[in-house]
Amino acid sequence: QVQLVESGGGLVQAGGSLRLSCAASGRTFSSDAMGWFRQAPGKERDLVAAIAWTGDITWYDNSVRGRFTISRDNAKNMVYLEMNSLKPEDTAVYYCAASTVIRYTPAGYHSWGQGTQVTVSS
């Protein structure tokens, strides 16, 4: 298991940027794939970006490709989500999660953070 704590959310105007961070602790982090999910009110929790444990394989949802960048620093036990050109539809609670390999649904992840709110105003 991995313990995860997100930070960096907040209120930003459309077109702005935010950088989310996820601090991890636990023996499996450096061998885990990591994902960033988001959940808006009344909607399902969806994967927006994921990264393999090596850092050299990434995946992005079409809605964020070209605007968001996922990265990790295994030496610091950190995962990041750089979000640029933010849109009001990006408003959601963002969660980081750990899995053994990149998976595309929440059920595939064994550890979750508590989430951080991102609000994009128009």
C-alpha atoms as a PDB file:
ATOM      1  CA  GLN A   1       0.000   0.000   0.000  1.00  0.00           C
ATOM      2  CA  VAL A   2       0.957   3.587  -0.588  1.00  0.00           C
ATOM      3  CA  GLN A   3      -0.172   6.648   1.328  1.00  0.00           C
ATOM      4  CA  LEU A   4      -0.928   9.610  -0.931  1.00  0.00           C
ATOM      5  CA  VAL A   5      -1.492  13.305  -0.168  1.00  0.00           C
ATOM      6  CA  GLU A   6      -2.444  15.779  -2.894  1.00  0.00           C
ATOM      7  CA  SER A   7      -1.857  19.518  -2.836  1.00  0.00           C
ATOM      8  CA  GLY A   8      -1.855  22.479  -5.188  1.00  0.00           C
ATOM      9  CA  GLY A   9      -5.518  22.848  -6.015  1.00  0.00           C
ATOM     10  CA  GLY A  10      -7.286  26.176  -5.948  1.00  0.00           C
ATOM     11  CA  LEU A  11      -9.287  28.751  -7.861  1.00  0.00           C
ATOM     12  CA  VAL A  12      -7.955  29.955 -11.194  1.00  0.00           C
ATOM     13  CA  GLN A  13      -9.353  31.865 -14.137  1.00  0.00           C
ATOM     14  CA  ALA A  14      -9.893  30.209 -17.487  1.00  0.00           C
ATOM     15  CA  GLY A  15      -6.650  30.084 -19.416  1.00  0.00           C
ATOM     16  CA  GLY A  16      -4.605  29.911 -16.254  1.00  0.00           C
ATOM     17  CA  SER A  17      -2.360  27.204 -14.870  1.00  0.00           C
ATOM     18  CA  LEU A  18      -2.030  25.074 -11.760  1.00  0.00           C
ATOM     19  CA  ARG A  19       0.431  22.425 -10.670  1.00  0.00           C
ATOM     20  CA  LEU A  20      -0.880  19.586  -8.548  1.00  0.00           C
ATOM     21  CA  SER A  21       1.486  17.582  -6.399  1.00  0.00           C
ATOM     22  CA  CYS A  22       1.051  14.167  -4.842  1.00  0.00           C
ATOM     23  CA  ALA A  23       3.356  13.116  -2.021  1.00  0.00           C
ATOM     24  CA  ALA A  24       3.671   9.380  -1.597  1.00  0.00           C
ATOM     25  CA  SER A  25       4.932   7.193   1.194  1.00  0.00           C
ATOM     26  CA  GLY A  26       5.124   3.450   1.291  1.00  0.00           C
ATOM     27  CA  ARG A  27       7.347   0.728   0.041  1.00  0.00           C
ATOM     28  CA  THR A  28       5.739   0.201  -3.355  1.00  0.00           C
ATOM     29  CA  PHE A  29       5.665   3.759  -4.741  1.00  0.00           C
ATOM     30  CA  SER A  30       8.743   3.523  -6.921  1.00  0.00           C
ATOM     31  CA  SER A  31       7.368   0.401  -8.608  1.00  0.00           C
ATOM     32  CA  ASP A  32       3.781   1.646  -8.936  1.00  0.00           C
ATOM     33  CA  ALA A  33       2.143   3.281 -11.897  1.00  0.00           C
ATOM     34  CA  MET A  34       0.406   6.486 -10.877  1.00  0.00           C
ATOM     35  CA  GLY A  35      -2.748   8.120 -12.128  1.00  0.00           C
ATOM     36  CA  TRP A  36      -4.540  11.414 -11.734  1.00  0.00           C
ATOM     37  CA  PHE A  37      -8.328  11.148 -11.699  1.00  0.00           C
ATOM     38  CA  ARG A  38     -10.947  13.841 -11.441  1.00  0.00           C
ATOM     39  CA  GLN A  39     -14.548  13.864 -10.331  1.00  0.00           C
ATOM     40  CA  ALA A  40     -17.007  16.668 -10.911  1.00  0.00           C
ATOM     41  CA  PRO A  41     -20.287  16.881  -8.936  1.00  0.00           C
ATOM     42  CA  GLY A  42     -22.752  14.293 -10.159  1.00  0.00           C
ATOM     43  CA  LYS A  43     -20.241  12.667 -12.477  1.00  0.00           C
ATOM     44  CA  GLU A  44     -18.070   9.588 -12.387  1.00  0.00           C
ATOM     45  CA  ARG A  45     -14.429   9.603 -11.379  1.00  0.00           C
ATOM     46  CA  ASP A  46     -12.410   9.579 -14.596  1.00  0.00           C
ATOM     47  CA  LEU A  47      -8.736   9.061 -15.356  1.00  0.00           C
ATOM     48  CA  VAL A  48      -7.117  12.121 -16.915  1.00  0.00           C
ATOM     49  CA  ALA A  49      -3.438  11.116 -16.926  1.00  0.00           C
ATOM     50  CA  ALA A  50      -1.245   8.208 -15.914  1.00  0.00           C
ATOM     51  CA  ILE A  51       2.453   7.423 -15.796  1.00  0.00           C
ATOM     52  CA  ALA A  52       4.363   4.167 -15.559  1.00  0.00           C
ATOM     53  CA  TRP A  53       6.769   3.556 -12.688  1.00  0.00           C
ATOM     54  CA  THR A  54       9.707   4.213 -14.998  1.00  0.00           C
ATOM     55  CA  GLY A  55       8.313   7.596 -15.987  1.00  0.00           C
ATOM     56  CA  ASP A  56       8.823   6.937 -19.685  1.00  0.00           C
ATOM     57  CA  ILE A  57       5.274   5.870 -20.511  1.00  0.00           C
ATOM     58  CA  THR A  58       2.404   8.279 -20.096  1.00  0.00           C
ATOM     59  CA  TRP A  59      -1.267   8.341 -21.054  1.00  0.00           C
ATOM     60  CA  TYR A  60      -3.688  11.244 -21.321  1.00  0.00           C
ATOM     61  CA  ASP A  61      -7.396  11.544 -21.826  1.00  0.00           C
ATOM     62  CA  ASN A  62      -8.261  13.336 -25.060  1.00  0.00           C
ATOM     63  CA  SER A  63      -9.855  16.158 -23.095  1.00  0.00           C
ATOM     64  CA  VAL A  64      -6.515  17.160 -21.527  1.00  0.00           C
ATOM     65  CA  ARG A  65      -3.910  15.987 -24.043  1.00  0.00           C
ATOM     66  CA  GLY A  66      -1.660  18.872 -24.980  1.00  0.00           C
ATOM     67  CA  ARG A  67      -2.690  20.916 -21.930  1.00  0.00           C
ATOM     68  CA  PHE A  68      -1.786  18.667 -18.983  1.00  0.00           C
ATOM     69  CA  THR A  69       1.549  17.005 -18.237  1.00  0.00           C
ATOM     70  CA  ILE A  70       2.078  14.216 -15.731  1.00  0.00           C
ATOM     71  CA  SER A  71       5.519  13.595 -14.285  1.00  0.00           C
ATOM     72  CA  ARG A  72       7.123  11.854 -11.328  1.00  0.00           C
ATOM     73  CA  ASP A  73      10.259  12.036  -9.234  1.00  0.00           C
ATOM     74  CA  ASN A  74      10.848   8.646  -7.662  1.00  0.00           C
ATOM     75  CA  ALA A  75      13.761   9.943  -5.608  1.00  0.00           C
ATOM     76  CA  LYS A  76      11.399  12.407  -3.903  1.00  0.00           C
ATOM     77  CA  ASN A  77       8.338  10.130  -3.906  1.00  0.00           C
ATOM     78  CA  MET A  78       6.373  12.767  -5.810  1.00  0.00           C
ATOM     79  CA  VAL A  79       3.954  12.829  -8.730  1.00  0.00           C
ATOM     80  CA  TYR A  80       2.907  16.023 -10.454  1.00  0.00           C
ATOM     81  CA  LEU A  81       0.174  17.198 -12.790  1.00  0.00           C
ATOM     82  CA  GLU A  82       0.968  20.413 -14.630  1.00  0.00           C
ATOM     83  CA  MET A  83      -2.280  21.896 -15.908  1.00  0.00           C
ATOM     84  CA  ASN A  84      -2.218  24.684 -18.486  1.00  0.00           C
ATOM     85  CA  SER A  85      -4.886  26.474 -20.522  1.00  0.00           C
ATOM     86  CA  LEU A  86      -7.443  25.513 -17.922  1.00  0.00           C
ATOM     87  CA  LYS A  87     -11.106  25.522 -18.850  1.00  0.00           C
ATOM     88  CA  PRO A  88     -14.224  25.748 -16.672  1.00  0.00           C
ATOM     89  CA  GLU A  89     -14.959  22.120 -17.567  1.00  0.00           C
ATOM     90  CA  ASP A  90     -11.728  21.119 -15.804  1.00  0.00           C
ATOM     91  CA  THR A  91     -13.393  22.021 -12.507  1.00  0.00           C
ATOM     92  CA  ALA A  92     -13.406  18.930 -10.291  1.00  0.00           C
ATOM     93  CA  VAL A  93     -11.831  17.255  -7.312  1.00  0.00           C
ATOM     94  CA  TYR A  94      -8.529  15.771  -8.468  1.00  0.00           C
ATOM     95  CA  TYR A  95      -7.198  12.565  -6.955  1.00  0.00           C
ATOM     96  CA  CYS A  96      -3.891  10.795  -7.335  1.00  0.00           C
ATOM     97  CA  ALA A  97      -3.883   7.034  -7.157  1.00  0.00           C
ATOM     98  CA  ALA A  98      -1.434   4.136  -7.327  1.00  0.00           C
ATOM     99  CA  SER A  99      -1.655   0.927  -9.305  1.00  0.00           C
ATOM    100  CA  THR A 100       0.652  -1.923 -10.209  1.00  0.00           C
ATOM    101  CA  VAL A 101       0.444  -0.966 -13.901  1.00  0.00           C
ATOM    102  CA  ILE A 102      -1.352   1.777 -15.823  1.00  0.00           C
ATOM    103  CA  ARG A 103      -5.059   1.043 -15.685  1.00  0.00           C
ATOM    104  CA  TYR A 104      -7.949   3.107 -16.950  1.00  0.00           C
ATOM    105  CA  THR A 105     -10.657   2.677 -14.327  1.00  0.00           C
ATOM    106  CA  PRO A 106     -10.723   3.505 -10.614  1.00  0.00           C
ATOM    107  CA  ALA A 107     -11.152  -0.158  -9.701  1.00  0.00           C
ATOM    108  CA  GLY A 108      -7.636  -0.830 -10.933  1.00  0.00           C
ATOM    109  CA  TYR A 109      -5.983   1.411  -8.332  1.00  0.00           C
ATOM    110  CA  HIS A 110      -5.128   0.188  -4.843  1.00  0.00           C
ATOM    111  CA  SER A 111      -4.322   3.456  -3.062  1.00  0.00           C
ATOM    112  CA  TRP A 112      -5.917   6.905  -3.170  1.00  0.00           C
ATOM    113  CA  GLY A 113      -5.318  10.374  -1.857  1.00  0.00           C
ATOM    114  CA  GLN A 114      -8.019  12.505  -0.282  1.00  0.00           C
ATOM    115  CA  GLY A 115      -8.340  14.782  -3.302  1.00  0.00           C
ATOM    116  CA  THR A 116      -7.759  18.460  -3.996  1.00  0.00           C
ATOM    117  CA  GLN A 117     -10.342  20.862  -5.423  1.00  0.00           C
ATOM    118  CA  VAL A 118      -9.639  22.644  -8.693  1.00  0.00           C
ATOM    119  CA  THR A 119     -12.066  25.375  -9.694  1.00  0.00           C
ATOM    120  CA  VAL A 120     -11.738  27.201 -13.007  1.00  0.00           C
ATOM    121  CA  SER A 121     -13.813  30.351 -13.370  1.00  0.00           C
ATOM    122  CA  SER A 122     -14.947  31.685 -16.740  1.00  0.00           C
END
